[in-house]
Amino acid sequence: MEKIQAHIIGDIISSNTSEAHTLYKKSCFGEPIREKIQYSLSEALFLVEKGKMEIISKNKKILLKDLLKKFQRIDKRIQIKYPVFKDLRNKGYIIKTALKFGADFRVYDKGTKPGKKHAKWIVFTDNESNRISWSEFSSKNRVAHSTRKSLLLAIVDEENSISYYQCIWLRP
C-alpha cells in the first residue's frame, strides 16, 4: 500500500486518496467528511510514525519533528494525549476523539467498529504530576456513566509510561 498523501490546512488534516478510504474501511483511521477522510492529530501522527502517511502543507512534505512542533501549537496537550493514543492503538483498540463529551478519547473494544457498537471507555489523560479534586473526578465519572461508558483514566509519567485506572459505577 502506498503512503497516504494528506494535507493540513489550519488544524484540519485530510486526504481524498484511495489509500485513505481503504485504510478507513479496514482499520477505522479517520472519519469520512464529504468526499475526504479527516484525521485527528493523534491519528495523523501515528500514521506518519508508522510510515503509512505523509502530510503536506503548501506543497511541501512536513518532517516528523516539524509535525510534532506544529501539532503542539495546535493542541498544547498532544504530548500527554499522543502516548495514550499510540499505546491503546498498538494494543488493537479503535480510538476516536471525545470532544463532545469533554474527554480526550472514546475507545472501542477490539474488533468493534465505531457506529456499530458504543465505545467501551471514555478516556481522560493527564500527567502524573497533576492533581484533580474529588469534584473533578466525580464530574469525569458522571460523564462516563451518563454516556454508558466506563471511565478510563490514563496517567502518563515522565518517561511516557502509562498507568490506566478503570472506574465503574456500582449500586450497592
N, C-alpha and C. Protein backbone atom coordinates (compact mmCIF):
# COMPACT_ATOMS: atom_id res chain seq x y z
N MET A 1 0.84 -1.19 0.00
CA MET A 1 0.00 0.00 0.00
C MET A 1 0.88 1.24 0.00
N GLU A 2 0.57 2.15 -0.87
CA GLU A 2 1.31 3.42 -0.93
C GLU A 2 0.96 4.27 0.27
N LYS A 3 1.85 5.22 0.59
CA LYS A 3 1.59 6.14 1.68
C LYS A 3 0.39 7.03 1.35
N ILE A 4 -0.38 7.32 2.38
CA ILE A 4 -1.49 8.25 2.22
C ILE A 4 -0.91 9.66 2.11
N GLN A 5 -1.33 10.38 1.10
CA GLN A 5 -0.95 11.78 0.94
C GLN A 5 -2.05 12.61 1.60
N ALA A 6 -1.73 13.23 2.72
CA ALA A 6 -2.71 14.05 3.43
C ALA A 6 -2.25 15.50 3.41
N HIS A 7 -3.20 16.39 3.50
CA HIS A 7 -2.90 17.82 3.51
C HIS A 7 -3.39 18.41 4.82
N ILE A 8 -2.64 19.38 5.31
CA ILE A 8 -3.05 20.09 6.52
C ILE A 8 -3.33 21.54 6.17
N ILE A 9 -4.52 21.96 6.57
CA ILE A 9 -4.91 23.36 6.40
C ILE A 9 -5.43 23.80 7.76
N GLY A 10 -4.71 24.71 8.40
CA GLY A 10 -5.04 25.11 9.76
C GLY A 10 -4.81 23.94 10.68
N ASP A 11 -5.89 23.46 11.32
CA ASP A 11 -5.74 22.30 12.20
C ASP A 11 -6.48 21.07 11.64
N ILE A 12 -6.82 21.13 10.35
CA ILE A 12 -7.53 20.02 9.72
C ILE A 12 -6.60 19.25 8.80
N ILE A 13 -6.54 17.94 9.03
CA ILE A 13 -5.73 17.04 8.22
C ILE A 13 -6.69 16.12 7.48
N SER A 14 -6.57 16.09 6.15
CA SER A 14 -7.49 15.26 5.38
C SER A 14 -6.82 14.74 4.12
N SER A 15 -7.48 13.71 3.57
CA SER A 15 -6.99 13.10 2.33
C SER A 15 -8.19 12.57 1.56
N ASN A 16 -8.10 12.65 0.25
CA ASN A 16 -9.15 12.03 -0.58
C ASN A 16 -8.57 10.92 -1.45
N THR A 17 -7.41 10.39 -1.04
CA THR A 17 -6.77 9.32 -1.81
C THR A 17 -7.50 7.99 -1.58
N SER A 18 -7.34 7.10 -2.52
CA SER A 18 -7.95 5.77 -2.37
C SER A 18 -7.34 5.03 -1.18
N GLU A 19 -6.05 5.27 -0.91
CA GLU A 19 -5.38 4.64 0.24
C GLU A 19 -6.04 5.06 1.55
N ALA A 20 -6.42 6.33 1.65
CA ALA A 20 -7.07 6.83 2.86
C ALA A 20 -8.43 6.15 3.05
N HIS A 21 -9.19 6.02 1.99
CA HIS A 21 -10.51 5.38 2.08
C HIS A 21 -10.37 3.89 2.39
N THR A 22 -9.37 3.24 1.81
CA THR A 22 -9.13 1.82 2.07
C THR A 22 -8.75 1.60 3.54
N LEU A 23 -7.85 2.43 4.06
CA LEU A 23 -7.43 2.27 5.45
C LEU A 23 -8.57 2.57 6.41
N TYR A 24 -9.42 3.52 6.07
CA TYR A 24 -10.59 3.80 6.91
C TYR A 24 -11.49 2.56 6.98
N LYS A 25 -11.78 1.96 5.84
CA LYS A 25 -12.65 0.78 5.80
C LYS A 25 -12.03 -0.40 6.55
N LYS A 26 -10.73 -0.54 6.43
CA LYS A 26 -10.04 -1.68 7.03
C LYS A 26 -9.79 -1.48 8.53
N SER A 27 -9.32 -0.29 8.93
CA SER A 27 -8.83 -0.09 10.30
C SER A 27 -9.43 1.09 11.04
N CYS A 28 -10.41 1.74 10.45
CA CYS A 28 -11.13 2.86 11.09
C CYS A 28 -10.25 4.06 11.42
N PHE A 29 -9.24 4.32 10.63
CA PHE A 29 -8.45 5.54 10.81
C PHE A 29 -9.16 6.67 10.10
N GLY A 30 -9.42 7.75 10.82
CA GLY A 30 -10.07 8.92 10.26
C GLY A 30 -11.58 8.83 10.31
N GLU A 31 -12.20 9.89 9.79
CA GLU A 31 -13.66 9.99 9.72
C GLU A 31 -14.01 10.49 8.32
N PRO A 32 -14.97 9.85 7.66
CA PRO A 32 -15.37 10.36 6.35
C PRO A 32 -16.17 11.67 6.51
N ILE A 33 -15.68 12.71 5.89
CA ILE A 33 -16.35 14.01 5.87
C ILE A 33 -16.43 14.42 4.40
N ARG A 34 -17.66 14.48 3.89
CA ARG A 34 -17.89 14.72 2.47
C ARG A 34 -17.13 13.67 1.66
N GLU A 35 -16.24 14.07 0.77
CA GLU A 35 -15.51 13.12 -0.08
C GLU A 35 -14.16 12.73 0.49
N LYS A 36 -13.80 13.29 1.65
CA LYS A 36 -12.46 13.09 2.20
C LYS A 36 -12.50 12.30 3.50
N ILE A 37 -11.33 11.82 3.89
CA ILE A 37 -11.14 11.23 5.21
C ILE A 37 -10.39 12.27 6.02
N GLN A 38 -10.97 12.64 7.16
CA GLN A 38 -10.36 13.65 8.03
C GLN A 38 -9.78 12.95 9.27
N TYR A 39 -8.58 13.36 9.67
CA TYR A 39 -7.85 12.71 10.75
C TYR A 39 -7.69 13.61 11.96
N SER A 40 -7.71 13.00 13.14
CA SER A 40 -7.35 13.73 14.35
C SER A 40 -5.83 13.89 14.34
N LEU A 41 -5.33 14.80 15.16
CA LEU A 41 -3.88 14.99 15.24
C LEU A 41 -3.18 13.71 15.65
N SER A 42 -3.75 13.00 16.63
CA SER A 42 -3.13 11.76 17.11
C SER A 42 -3.12 10.69 16.02
N GLU A 43 -4.22 10.55 15.28
CA GLU A 43 -4.26 9.57 14.20
C GLU A 43 -3.20 9.88 13.15
N ALA A 44 -3.11 11.14 12.77
CA ALA A 44 -2.14 11.54 11.74
C ALA A 44 -0.72 11.29 12.22
N LEU A 45 -0.42 11.66 13.44
CA LEU A 45 0.92 11.46 13.99
C LEU A 45 1.26 9.98 14.02
N PHE A 46 0.33 9.17 14.43
CA PHE A 46 0.52 7.72 14.49
C PHE A 46 0.82 7.15 13.09
N LEU A 47 0.02 7.56 12.11
CA LEU A 47 0.21 7.05 10.75
C LEU A 47 1.52 7.53 10.13
N VAL A 48 1.92 8.76 10.43
CA VAL A 48 3.21 9.26 9.93
C VAL A 48 4.35 8.46 10.57
N GLU A 49 4.25 8.26 11.89
CA GLU A 49 5.28 7.49 12.60
C GLU A 49 5.39 6.06 12.07
N LYS A 50 4.27 5.47 11.68
CA LYS A 50 4.25 4.09 11.16
C LYS A 50 4.65 4.02 9.69
N GLY A 51 4.89 5.19 9.06
CA GLY A 51 5.28 5.20 7.65
C GLY A 51 4.13 4.98 6.69
N LYS A 52 2.89 5.19 7.16
CA LYS A 52 1.72 4.96 6.31
C LYS A 52 1.15 6.26 5.73
N MET A 53 1.68 7.41 6.20
CA MET A 53 1.14 8.70 5.75
C MET A 53 2.25 9.72 5.67
N GLU A 54 2.09 10.64 4.74
CA GLU A 54 2.91 11.85 4.76
C GLU A 54 1.96 13.04 4.66
N ILE A 55 2.32 14.08 5.40
CA ILE A 55 1.47 15.26 5.47
C ILE A 55 2.13 16.39 4.70
N ILE A 56 1.33 17.02 3.88
CA ILE A 56 1.83 18.07 3.01
C ILE A 56 1.16 19.40 3.38
N SER A 57 1.98 20.43 3.44
CA SER A 57 1.49 21.79 3.68
C SER A 57 2.16 22.69 2.65
N LYS A 58 1.36 23.43 1.92
CA LYS A 58 1.88 24.35 0.89
C LYS A 58 2.83 23.63 -0.06
N ASN A 59 2.43 22.46 -0.53
CA ASN A 59 3.18 21.64 -1.49
C ASN A 59 4.51 21.12 -0.97
N LYS A 60 4.73 21.13 0.35
CA LYS A 60 5.96 20.58 0.94
C LYS A 60 5.62 19.54 1.98
N LYS A 61 6.36 18.42 1.95
CA LYS A 61 6.19 17.36 2.94
C LYS A 61 6.71 17.88 4.28
N ILE A 62 5.96 17.64 5.36
CA ILE A 62 6.39 18.05 6.70
C ILE A 62 7.09 16.88 7.36
N LEU A 63 8.31 17.12 7.85
CA LEU A 63 9.07 16.10 8.55
C LEU A 63 8.44 15.84 9.92
N LEU A 64 8.66 14.64 10.46
CA LEU A 64 8.05 14.25 11.74
C LEU A 64 8.37 15.24 12.86
N LYS A 65 9.62 15.67 12.99
CA LYS A 65 9.98 16.59 14.08
C LYS A 65 9.26 17.94 13.92
N ASP A 66 9.10 18.40 12.69
CA ASP A 66 8.38 19.65 12.44
C ASP A 66 6.87 19.48 12.67
N LEU A 67 6.40 18.28 12.36
CA LEU A 67 4.99 17.97 12.58
C LEU A 67 4.66 18.02 14.07
N LEU A 68 5.54 17.46 14.88
CA LEU A 68 5.34 17.50 16.34
C LEU A 68 5.24 18.93 16.84
N LYS A 69 6.13 19.78 16.39
CA LYS A 69 6.11 21.19 16.80
C LYS A 69 4.81 21.87 16.37
N LYS A 70 4.40 21.60 15.13
CA LYS A 70 3.17 22.19 14.60
C LYS A 70 1.96 21.73 15.41
N PHE A 71 1.90 20.44 15.72
CA PHE A 71 0.79 19.89 16.48
C PHE A 71 0.76 20.43 17.91
N GLN A 72 1.94 20.69 18.49
CA GLN A 72 1.99 21.25 19.84
C GLN A 72 1.42 22.66 19.87
N ARG A 73 1.56 23.39 18.78
CA ARG A 73 0.96 24.73 18.71
C ARG A 73 -0.56 24.65 18.59
N ILE A 74 -1.04 23.60 17.93
CA ILE A 74 -2.48 23.41 17.74
C ILE A 74 -3.12 22.87 19.02
N ASP A 75 -2.47 21.89 19.63
CA ASP A 75 -3.01 21.24 20.84
C ASP A 75 -1.90 21.16 21.89
N LYS A 76 -2.00 21.97 22.92
CA LYS A 76 -0.98 22.04 23.98
C LYS A 76 -0.84 20.72 24.73
N ARG A 77 -1.86 19.86 24.68
CA ARG A 77 -1.84 18.61 25.44
C ARG A 77 -1.45 17.39 24.59
N ILE A 78 -1.03 17.60 23.35
CA ILE A 78 -0.72 16.47 22.47
C ILE A 78 0.39 15.58 23.07
N GLN A 79 1.31 16.16 23.82
CA GLN A 79 2.41 15.37 24.41
C GLN A 79 1.90 14.40 25.47
N ILE A 80 0.77 14.69 26.06
CA ILE A 80 0.17 13.78 27.04
C ILE A 80 -0.80 12.83 26.35
N LYS A 81 -1.56 13.34 25.40
CA LYS A 81 -2.58 12.54 24.73
C LYS A 81 -2.00 11.52 23.75
N TYR A 82 -0.99 11.91 22.99
CA TYR A 82 -0.49 11.02 21.95
C TYR A 82 0.08 9.70 22.48
N PRO A 83 0.88 9.70 23.55
CA PRO A 83 1.38 8.39 24.03
C PRO A 83 0.25 7.43 24.41
N VAL A 84 -0.85 7.97 24.93
CA VAL A 84 -2.01 7.14 25.29
C VAL A 84 -2.66 6.60 24.02
N PHE A 85 -2.88 7.48 23.04
CA PHE A 85 -3.44 7.05 21.76
C PHE A 85 -2.59 5.92 21.16
N LYS A 86 -1.30 6.16 21.10
CA LYS A 86 -0.37 5.19 20.49
C LYS A 86 -0.40 3.86 21.22
N ASP A 87 -0.37 3.89 22.54
CA ASP A 87 -0.37 2.67 23.34
C ASP A 87 -1.65 1.86 23.12
N LEU A 88 -2.79 2.54 23.19
CA LEU A 88 -4.06 1.83 23.01
C LEU A 88 -4.23 1.32 21.58
N ARG A 89 -3.81 2.12 20.61
CA ARG A 89 -3.94 1.68 19.20
C ARG A 89 -3.02 0.49 18.93
N ASN A 90 -1.81 0.53 19.50
CA ASN A 90 -0.89 -0.61 19.34
C ASN A 90 -1.42 -1.88 20.00
N LYS A 91 -2.31 -1.72 20.98
CA LYS A 91 -2.93 -2.87 21.64
C LYS A 91 -4.16 -3.37 20.90
N GLY A 92 -4.51 -2.70 19.79
CA GLY A 92 -5.61 -3.18 18.95
C GLY A 92 -6.94 -2.49 19.13
N TYR A 93 -6.99 -1.45 19.96
CA TYR A 93 -8.25 -0.73 20.17
C TYR A 93 -8.43 0.33 19.08
N ILE A 94 -9.68 0.68 18.82
CA ILE A 94 -10.00 1.78 17.92
C ILE A 94 -10.23 3.00 18.80
N ILE A 95 -9.53 4.09 18.52
CA ILE A 95 -9.60 5.30 19.34
C ILE A 95 -10.12 6.45 18.49
N LYS A 96 -11.10 7.14 19.03
CA LYS A 96 -11.66 8.31 18.38
C LYS A 96 -11.70 9.47 19.37
N THR A 97 -11.82 10.68 18.87
CA THR A 97 -11.88 11.83 19.76
C THR A 97 -13.19 11.79 20.55
N ALA A 98 -13.19 12.51 21.66
CA ALA A 98 -14.39 12.56 22.51
C ALA A 98 -14.66 14.00 22.93
N LEU A 99 -14.41 14.92 22.02
CA LEU A 99 -14.58 16.34 22.33
C LEU A 99 -15.99 16.67 22.78
N LYS A 100 -16.99 16.07 22.16
CA LYS A 100 -18.36 16.40 22.54
C LYS A 100 -18.71 15.92 23.94
N PHE A 101 -17.89 15.03 24.50
CA PHE A 101 -18.08 14.57 25.87
C PHE A 101 -17.16 15.32 26.84
N GLY A 102 -16.31 16.19 26.31
CA GLY A 102 -15.36 16.90 27.16
C GLY A 102 -14.21 16.02 27.60
N ALA A 103 -14.01 14.92 26.89
CA ALA A 103 -12.93 13.98 27.22
C ALA A 103 -11.91 13.96 26.09
N ASP A 104 -10.85 13.19 26.28
CA ASP A 104 -9.82 13.12 25.25
C ASP A 104 -10.15 12.09 24.17
N PHE A 105 -10.59 10.89 24.58
CA PHE A 105 -10.83 9.83 23.60
C PHE A 105 -12.04 8.99 23.97
N ARG A 106 -12.60 8.35 22.94
CA ARG A 106 -13.53 7.23 23.09
C ARG A 106 -12.74 6.02 22.62
N VAL A 107 -12.86 4.92 23.33
CA VAL A 107 -12.12 3.72 22.96
C VAL A 107 -13.11 2.58 22.73
N TYR A 108 -13.01 2.01 21.54
CA TYR A 108 -13.86 0.89 21.16
C TYR A 108 -13.10 -0.40 21.38
N ASP A 109 -13.81 -1.40 21.85
CA ASP A 109 -13.19 -2.69 22.11
C ASP A 109 -12.61 -3.27 20.83
N LYS A 110 -11.66 -4.16 21.00
CA LYS A 110 -11.01 -4.79 19.86
C LYS A 110 -12.05 -5.46 18.97
N GLY A 111 -11.94 -5.22 17.67
CA GLY A 111 -12.86 -5.81 16.71
C GLY A 111 -14.18 -5.06 16.56
N THR A 112 -14.37 -3.99 17.32
CA THR A 112 -15.61 -3.22 17.26
C THR A 112 -15.40 -1.99 16.39
N LYS A 113 -16.32 -1.76 15.48
CA LYS A 113 -16.23 -0.57 14.63
C LYS A 113 -17.14 0.52 15.17
N PRO A 114 -16.63 1.76 15.19
CA PRO A 114 -17.49 2.87 15.60
C PRO A 114 -18.74 2.94 14.72
N GLY A 115 -19.86 3.22 15.35
CA GLY A 115 -21.12 3.26 14.62
C GLY A 115 -21.87 1.94 14.67
N LYS A 116 -21.16 0.86 14.90
CA LYS A 116 -21.80 -0.47 15.01
C LYS A 116 -22.13 -0.78 16.47
N LYS A 117 -21.26 -0.36 17.38
CA LYS A 117 -21.46 -0.53 18.82
C LYS A 117 -20.96 0.73 19.51
N HIS A 118 -21.34 0.87 20.77
CA HIS A 118 -20.87 2.01 21.55
C HIS A 118 -19.44 1.78 22.02
N ALA A 119 -18.74 2.88 22.29
CA ALA A 119 -17.38 2.79 22.82
C ALA A 119 -17.43 2.14 24.20
N LYS A 120 -16.36 1.45 24.53
CA LYS A 120 -16.24 0.78 25.82
C LYS A 120 -15.87 1.79 26.90
N TRP A 121 -14.92 2.67 26.58
CA TRP A 121 -14.40 3.62 27.55
C TRP A 121 -14.45 5.05 27.03
N ILE A 122 -14.53 5.96 27.96
CA ILE A 122 -14.26 7.36 27.69
C ILE A 122 -12.97 7.64 28.47
N VAL A 123 -11.99 8.24 27.78
CA VAL A 123 -10.65 8.37 28.36
C VAL A 123 -10.30 9.82 28.63
N PHE A 124 -9.80 10.05 29.83
CA PHE A 124 -9.22 11.33 30.21
C PHE A 124 -7.75 11.08 30.47
N THR A 125 -6.90 11.85 29.82
CA THR A 125 -5.46 11.70 30.00
C THR A 125 -4.94 12.82 30.90
N ASP A 126 -3.89 12.51 31.64
CA ASP A 126 -3.29 13.53 32.48
C ASP A 126 -1.86 13.14 32.79
N ASN A 127 -1.11 14.12 33.22
CA ASN A 127 0.27 13.94 33.64
C ASN A 127 0.26 13.50 35.09
N GLU A 128 1.19 12.64 35.48
CA GLU A 128 1.21 12.12 36.85
C GLU A 128 1.43 13.21 37.90
N SER A 129 2.01 14.32 37.51
CA SER A 129 2.27 15.39 38.48
C SER A 129 1.05 16.27 38.74
N ASN A 130 0.02 16.15 37.90
CA ASN A 130 -1.21 16.94 38.11
C ASN A 130 -2.10 16.27 39.14
N ARG A 131 -2.82 17.08 39.83
CA ARG A 131 -3.79 16.58 40.81
C ARG A 131 -5.17 17.05 40.41
N ILE A 132 -6.15 16.20 40.67
CA ILE A 132 -7.52 16.62 40.43
C ILE A 132 -8.30 16.52 41.74
N SER A 133 -9.32 17.32 41.84
CA SER A 133 -10.14 17.31 43.05
C SER A 133 -11.18 16.19 42.94
N TRP A 134 -11.81 15.88 44.06
CA TRP A 134 -12.86 14.87 44.05
C TRP A 134 -14.02 15.30 43.16
N SER A 135 -14.31 16.59 43.13
CA SER A 135 -15.42 17.04 42.28
C SER A 135 -15.06 16.89 40.80
N GLU A 136 -13.80 17.13 40.43
CA GLU A 136 -13.37 16.90 39.04
C GLU A 136 -13.47 15.42 38.68
N PHE A 137 -13.01 14.57 39.62
CA PHE A 137 -13.09 13.12 39.40
C PHE A 137 -14.54 12.69 39.25
N SER A 138 -15.39 13.19 40.14
CA SER A 138 -16.81 12.86 40.10
C SER A 138 -17.44 13.31 38.79
N SER A 139 -17.06 14.48 38.31
CA SER A 139 -17.56 15.01 37.06
C SER A 139 -17.18 14.10 35.89
N LYS A 140 -15.93 13.67 35.85
CA LYS A 140 -15.46 12.77 34.79
C LYS A 140 -16.24 11.45 34.83
N ASN A 141 -16.42 10.94 36.04
CA ASN A 141 -17.13 9.68 36.20
C ASN A 141 -18.60 9.83 35.79
N ARG A 142 -19.20 10.97 36.10
CA ARG A 142 -20.59 11.22 35.73
C ARG A 142 -20.75 11.27 34.21
N VAL A 143 -19.79 11.90 33.53
CA VAL A 143 -19.83 11.96 32.06
C VAL A 143 -19.78 10.54 31.49
N ALA A 144 -18.87 9.73 32.00
CA ALA A 144 -18.75 8.35 31.51
C ALA A 144 -20.04 7.58 31.76
N HIS A 145 -20.57 7.69 32.97
CA HIS A 145 -21.79 6.96 33.32
C HIS A 145 -22.98 7.40 32.46
N SER A 146 -23.13 8.69 32.27
CA SER A 146 -24.27 9.20 31.51
C SER A 146 -24.19 8.85 30.02
N THR A 147 -23.00 8.53 29.54
CA THR A 147 -22.84 8.13 28.14
C THR A 147 -22.71 6.60 27.99
N ARG A 148 -22.97 5.89 29.10
CA ARG A 148 -22.93 4.42 29.13
C ARG A 148 -21.58 3.84 28.74
N LYS A 149 -20.55 4.48 29.28
CA LYS A 149 -19.19 4.01 29.07
C LYS A 149 -18.51 3.92 30.42
N SER A 150 -17.43 3.17 30.48
CA SER A 150 -16.62 3.15 31.69
C SER A 150 -15.59 4.26 31.59
N LEU A 151 -15.25 4.81 32.72
CA LEU A 151 -14.22 5.85 32.78
C LEU A 151 -12.86 5.18 32.80
N LEU A 152 -11.98 5.64 31.93
CA LEU A 152 -10.61 5.16 31.92
C LEU A 152 -9.70 6.36 32.09
N LEU A 153 -8.99 6.40 33.21
CA LEU A 153 -8.01 7.46 33.44
C LEU A 153 -6.66 6.95 32.96
N ALA A 154 -6.01 7.72 32.12
CA ALA A 154 -4.69 7.35 31.59
C ALA A 154 -3.69 8.36 32.14
N ILE A 155 -2.82 7.88 33.01
CA ILE A 155 -1.86 8.76 33.68
C ILE A 155 -0.48 8.50 33.09
N VAL A 156 0.11 9.57 32.53
CA VAL A 156 1.39 9.47 31.83
C VAL A 156 2.48 10.02 32.75
N ASP A 157 3.56 9.22 32.92
CA ASP A 157 4.66 9.68 33.77
C ASP A 157 5.77 10.34 32.94
N GLU A 158 6.83 10.73 33.61
CA GLU A 158 7.94 11.46 32.97
C GLU A 158 8.57 10.68 31.81
N GLU A 159 8.56 9.35 31.88
CA GLU A 159 9.17 8.51 30.83
C GLU A 159 8.15 8.08 29.78
N ASN A 160 6.97 8.67 29.80
CA ASN A 160 5.86 8.33 28.89
C ASN A 160 5.30 6.93 29.14
N SER A 161 5.54 6.37 30.35
CA SER A 161 4.87 5.13 30.74
C SER A 161 3.46 5.51 31.17
N ILE A 162 2.54 4.63 30.89
CA ILE A 162 1.14 4.95 31.14
C ILE A 162 0.54 3.96 32.13
N SER A 163 -0.16 4.49 33.12
CA SER A 163 -0.93 3.67 34.05
C SER A 163 -2.40 3.96 33.77
N TYR A 164 -3.18 2.89 33.67
CA TYR A 164 -4.61 3.02 33.40
C TYR A 164 -5.41 2.66 34.64
N TYR A 165 -6.45 3.43 34.89
CA TYR A 165 -7.35 3.18 36.00
C TYR A 165 -8.77 3.21 35.46
N GLN A 166 -9.44 2.05 35.54
CA GLN A 166 -10.82 1.98 35.08
C GLN A 166 -11.73 2.21 36.28
N CYS A 167 -12.70 3.06 36.10
CA CYS A 167 -13.66 3.37 37.16
C CYS A 167 -15.06 3.05 36.64
N ILE A 168 -15.80 2.31 37.41
CA ILE A 168 -17.17 1.99 37.02
C ILE A 168 -18.11 2.27 38.18
N TRP A 169 -19.36 2.53 37.86
CA TRP A 169 -20.38 2.79 38.88
C TRP A 169 -20.90 1.45 39.39
N LEU A 170 -21.06 1.36 40.68
CA LEU A 170 -21.68 0.19 41.30
C LEU A 170 -22.84 0.66 42.16
N ARG A 171 -23.91 -0.08 42.11
CA ARG A 171 -25.04 0.20 43.00
C ARG A 171 -24.99 -0.83 44.11
N PRO A 172 -24.83 -0.38 45.36
CA PRO A 172 -24.78 -1.35 46.47
C PRO A 172 -26.15 -1.96 46.75
